N, C-alpha and C. Protein backbone atom coordinates (compact mmCIF):
# COMPACT_ATOMS: atom_id res chain seq x y z
N MET A 1 115.58 97.25 131.03
CA MET A 1 115.52 96.32 129.92
C MET A 1 116.86 96.37 129.18
N SER A 2 117.37 95.22 128.84
CA SER A 2 118.67 95.15 128.18
C SER A 2 118.59 95.62 126.73
N HIS A 3 119.76 95.95 126.21
CA HIS A 3 119.86 96.38 124.81
C HIS A 3 119.35 95.28 123.88
N GLU A 4 119.68 94.03 124.19
CA GLU A 4 119.25 92.89 123.36
C GLU A 4 117.73 92.75 123.37
N ALA A 5 117.13 92.95 124.55
CA ALA A 5 115.67 92.84 124.66
C ALA A 5 114.98 93.95 123.87
N VAL A 6 115.54 95.15 123.95
CA VAL A 6 114.98 96.28 123.21
C VAL A 6 115.09 96.01 121.71
N ARG A 7 116.25 95.54 121.28
CA ARG A 7 116.45 95.25 119.84
C ARG A 7 115.49 94.16 119.38
N ALA A 8 115.28 93.14 120.20
CA ALA A 8 114.34 92.07 119.84
C ALA A 8 112.93 92.62 119.69
N LEU A 9 112.53 93.52 120.57
CA LEU A 9 111.21 94.14 120.46
C LEU A 9 111.10 95.00 119.21
N GLU A 10 112.16 95.74 118.91
CA GLU A 10 112.17 96.57 117.70
C GLU A 10 112.03 95.70 116.46
N GLN A 11 112.74 94.58 116.42
CA GLN A 11 112.65 93.68 115.27
C GLN A 11 111.24 93.10 115.14
N ARG A 12 110.64 92.77 116.25
CA ARG A 12 109.27 92.22 116.23
C ARG A 12 108.29 93.27 115.72
N ILE A 13 108.45 94.49 116.15
CA ILE A 13 107.58 95.58 115.68
C ILE A 13 107.74 95.77 114.18
N GLU A 14 108.99 95.77 113.69
CA GLU A 14 109.23 95.91 112.26
C GLU A 14 108.56 94.77 111.49
N GLU A 15 108.68 93.56 112.00
CA GLU A 15 108.07 92.40 111.34
C GLU A 15 106.55 92.56 111.28
N LEU A 16 105.95 92.99 112.38
CA LEU A 16 104.49 93.18 112.40
C LEU A 16 104.06 94.29 111.45
N GLU A 17 104.85 95.36 111.36
CA GLU A 17 104.53 96.44 110.41
C GLU A 17 104.56 95.93 108.98
N PHE A 18 105.57 95.10 108.64
CA PHE A 18 105.63 94.51 107.31
C PHE A 18 104.40 93.66 107.04
N ARG A 19 104.00 92.88 108.01
CA ARG A 19 102.83 92.01 107.83
C ARG A 19 101.56 92.80 107.61
N LEU A 20 101.47 93.98 108.21
CA LEU A 20 100.30 94.83 108.00
C LEU A 20 100.33 95.49 106.63
N THR A 21 101.53 95.73 106.11
CA THR A 21 101.70 96.43 104.84
C THR A 21 101.57 95.50 103.64
N PHE A 22 102.07 94.28 103.77
CA PHE A 22 102.13 93.36 102.63
C PHE A 22 101.18 92.19 102.83
N PRO A 23 100.51 91.75 101.77
CA PRO A 23 99.58 90.62 101.88
C PRO A 23 100.32 89.29 102.08
N LYS A 24 99.59 88.29 102.51
CA LYS A 24 100.15 86.95 102.72
C LYS A 24 100.76 86.41 101.43
N LEU A 25 100.07 86.58 100.32
CA LEU A 25 100.57 86.15 99.01
C LEU A 25 100.84 87.38 98.18
N MET A 26 102.10 87.55 97.78
CA MET A 26 102.53 88.77 97.10
C MET A 26 102.82 88.52 95.62
N THR A 27 102.61 89.56 94.84
CA THR A 27 103.01 89.55 93.43
C THR A 27 104.52 89.79 93.37
N PRO A 28 105.14 89.54 92.23
CA PRO A 28 106.57 89.87 92.10
C PRO A 28 106.87 91.34 92.43
N ARG A 29 106.01 92.25 92.00
CA ARG A 29 106.22 93.68 92.29
C ARG A 29 106.19 93.94 93.79
N GLN A 30 105.27 93.31 94.49
CA GLN A 30 105.18 93.49 95.93
C GLN A 30 106.41 92.91 96.64
N VAL A 31 106.94 91.81 96.11
CA VAL A 31 108.16 91.24 96.67
C VAL A 31 109.31 92.24 96.51
N CYS A 32 109.40 92.86 95.36
CA CYS A 32 110.44 93.87 95.12
C CYS A 32 110.29 95.04 96.09
N ASP A 33 109.06 95.49 96.29
CA ASP A 33 108.82 96.57 97.24
C ASP A 33 109.21 96.12 98.65
N PHE A 34 108.83 94.92 99.00
CA PHE A 34 109.15 94.37 100.33
C PHE A 34 110.66 94.29 100.55
N LEU A 35 111.38 93.80 99.55
CA LEU A 35 112.84 93.66 99.66
C LEU A 35 113.59 94.95 99.36
N GLN A 36 112.85 95.95 98.88
CA GLN A 36 113.42 97.25 98.51
C GLN A 36 114.50 97.10 97.45
N ILE A 37 114.14 96.37 96.40
CA ILE A 37 115.02 96.16 95.26
C ILE A 37 114.24 96.46 93.98
N SER A 38 114.96 96.59 92.88
CA SER A 38 114.31 96.82 91.60
C SER A 38 113.80 95.49 91.03
N GLU A 39 112.84 95.58 90.13
CA GLU A 39 112.36 94.37 89.47
C GLU A 39 113.50 93.74 88.67
N ARG A 40 114.34 94.57 88.09
CA ARG A 40 115.48 94.05 87.33
C ARG A 40 116.37 93.17 88.21
N GLN A 41 116.69 93.67 89.41
CA GLN A 41 117.51 92.89 90.33
C GLN A 41 116.82 91.58 90.71
N PHE A 42 115.53 91.67 90.97
CA PHE A 42 114.76 90.48 91.34
C PHE A 42 114.84 89.42 90.25
N TYR A 43 114.62 89.82 89.01
CA TYR A 43 114.63 88.85 87.92
C TYR A 43 116.05 88.35 87.60
N GLU A 44 117.06 89.15 87.90
CA GLU A 44 118.44 88.65 87.77
C GLU A 44 118.68 87.54 88.78
N TRP A 45 118.24 87.77 90.02
CA TRP A 45 118.37 86.73 91.04
C TRP A 45 117.59 85.48 90.63
N LYS A 46 116.40 85.68 90.10
CA LYS A 46 115.55 84.56 89.69
C LYS A 46 116.23 83.74 88.58
N ARG A 47 116.80 84.43 87.58
CA ARG A 47 117.50 83.74 86.50
C ARG A 47 118.71 82.97 87.03
N ALA A 48 119.36 83.51 88.07
CA ALA A 48 120.52 82.86 88.66
C ALA A 48 120.12 81.72 89.61
N GLY A 49 118.82 81.55 89.81
CA GLY A 49 118.34 80.48 90.69
C GLY A 49 118.42 80.83 92.17
N ASP A 50 118.47 82.13 92.47
CA ASP A 50 118.58 82.57 93.85
C ASP A 50 117.49 83.57 94.17
N SER A 51 116.27 83.06 94.30
CA SER A 51 115.13 83.92 94.62
C SER A 51 114.20 83.15 95.57
N PRO A 52 113.27 83.86 96.20
CA PRO A 52 112.34 83.19 97.09
C PRO A 52 111.52 82.14 96.32
N PRO A 53 111.05 81.10 97.01
CA PRO A 53 110.23 80.10 96.33
C PRO A 53 108.91 80.71 95.85
N ALA A 54 108.50 80.32 94.66
CA ALA A 54 107.30 80.88 94.03
C ALA A 54 106.16 79.87 94.02
N ILE A 55 104.94 80.41 93.96
CA ILE A 55 103.73 79.60 93.80
C ILE A 55 103.19 79.94 92.42
N TYR A 56 103.15 78.95 91.54
CA TYR A 56 102.65 79.16 90.17
C TYR A 56 101.24 78.63 90.05
N TRP A 57 100.27 79.53 89.88
CA TRP A 57 98.90 79.11 89.65
C TRP A 57 98.63 78.92 88.16
N SER A 58 99.41 79.61 87.37
CA SER A 58 99.38 79.44 85.92
C SER A 58 100.71 79.99 85.40
N GLU A 59 100.90 79.93 84.11
CA GLU A 59 102.14 80.43 83.53
C GLU A 59 102.36 81.91 83.82
N ARG A 60 101.27 82.65 83.91
CA ARG A 60 101.37 84.10 84.10
C ARG A 60 100.97 84.58 85.49
N THR A 61 100.53 83.67 86.32
CA THR A 61 100.10 84.05 87.67
C THR A 61 101.03 83.42 88.69
N VAL A 62 101.90 84.26 89.24
CA VAL A 62 102.91 83.82 90.20
C VAL A 62 102.72 84.62 91.49
N ARG A 63 102.78 83.93 92.60
CA ARG A 63 102.70 84.59 93.89
C ARG A 63 103.82 84.09 94.79
N TYR A 64 104.13 84.89 95.79
CA TYR A 64 105.19 84.56 96.74
C TYR A 64 104.62 84.69 98.15
N ASP A 65 104.77 83.64 98.94
CA ASP A 65 104.29 83.65 100.30
C ASP A 65 105.17 84.56 101.16
N LEU A 66 104.55 85.46 101.90
CA LEU A 66 105.28 86.42 102.72
C LEU A 66 106.24 85.71 103.67
N GLU A 67 105.77 84.65 104.33
CA GLU A 67 106.62 83.92 105.28
C GLU A 67 107.84 83.33 104.57
N ALA A 68 107.63 82.78 103.37
CA ALA A 68 108.73 82.17 102.62
C ALA A 68 109.73 83.23 102.17
N VAL A 69 109.23 84.39 101.78
CA VAL A 69 110.12 85.48 101.36
C VAL A 69 110.94 85.96 102.55
N MET A 70 110.28 86.09 103.72
CA MET A 70 110.99 86.52 104.92
C MET A 70 112.06 85.49 105.31
N ALA A 71 111.73 84.21 105.23
CA ALA A 71 112.70 83.16 105.58
C ALA A 71 113.87 83.17 104.60
N TRP A 72 113.57 83.33 103.30
CA TRP A 72 114.62 83.40 102.28
C TRP A 72 115.54 84.58 102.55
N ALA A 73 114.96 85.74 102.85
CA ALA A 73 115.75 86.94 103.10
C ALA A 73 116.60 86.77 104.38
N LYS A 74 116.04 86.12 105.38
CA LYS A 74 116.76 85.89 106.64
C LYS A 74 118.01 85.04 106.39
N GLN A 75 117.93 84.11 105.44
CA GLN A 75 119.09 83.26 105.12
C GLN A 75 120.22 84.08 104.51
N LYS A 76 119.91 85.23 103.96
CA LYS A 76 120.91 86.09 103.33
C LYS A 76 121.64 86.96 104.34
N GLU A 77 121.15 86.98 105.56
CA GLU A 77 121.73 87.82 106.60
C GLU A 77 123.16 87.39 106.92
N VAL A 78 124.04 88.38 107.04
CA VAL A 78 125.45 88.11 107.32
C VAL A 78 125.87 88.97 108.50
N GLY A 79 126.70 88.42 109.36
CA GLY A 79 127.22 89.19 110.49
C GLY A 79 126.23 89.33 111.61
N GLN A 80 126.58 90.14 112.58
CA GLN A 80 125.73 90.36 113.73
C GLN A 80 125.10 91.72 113.69
N VAL A 81 123.91 91.81 114.22
CA VAL A 81 123.18 93.08 114.27
C VAL A 81 123.48 93.78 115.56
């Protein structure tokens, strides 16, 4: 098996582990845990207009779709792995 194939399998396993750990709809705290950042950093990004798309059910109830957060984070990727 090639190095690229092994790496692709490793990435798929990591993605599946994340999906088992985090719910489909996450709270802001769960997003921070998922991205491994502080809440302060998250809200700085949000104020700057650079955060994952949010789902607002009310003024105080905000959720983030896991797929959307993963897609947003993937767009931040730079260089080759």
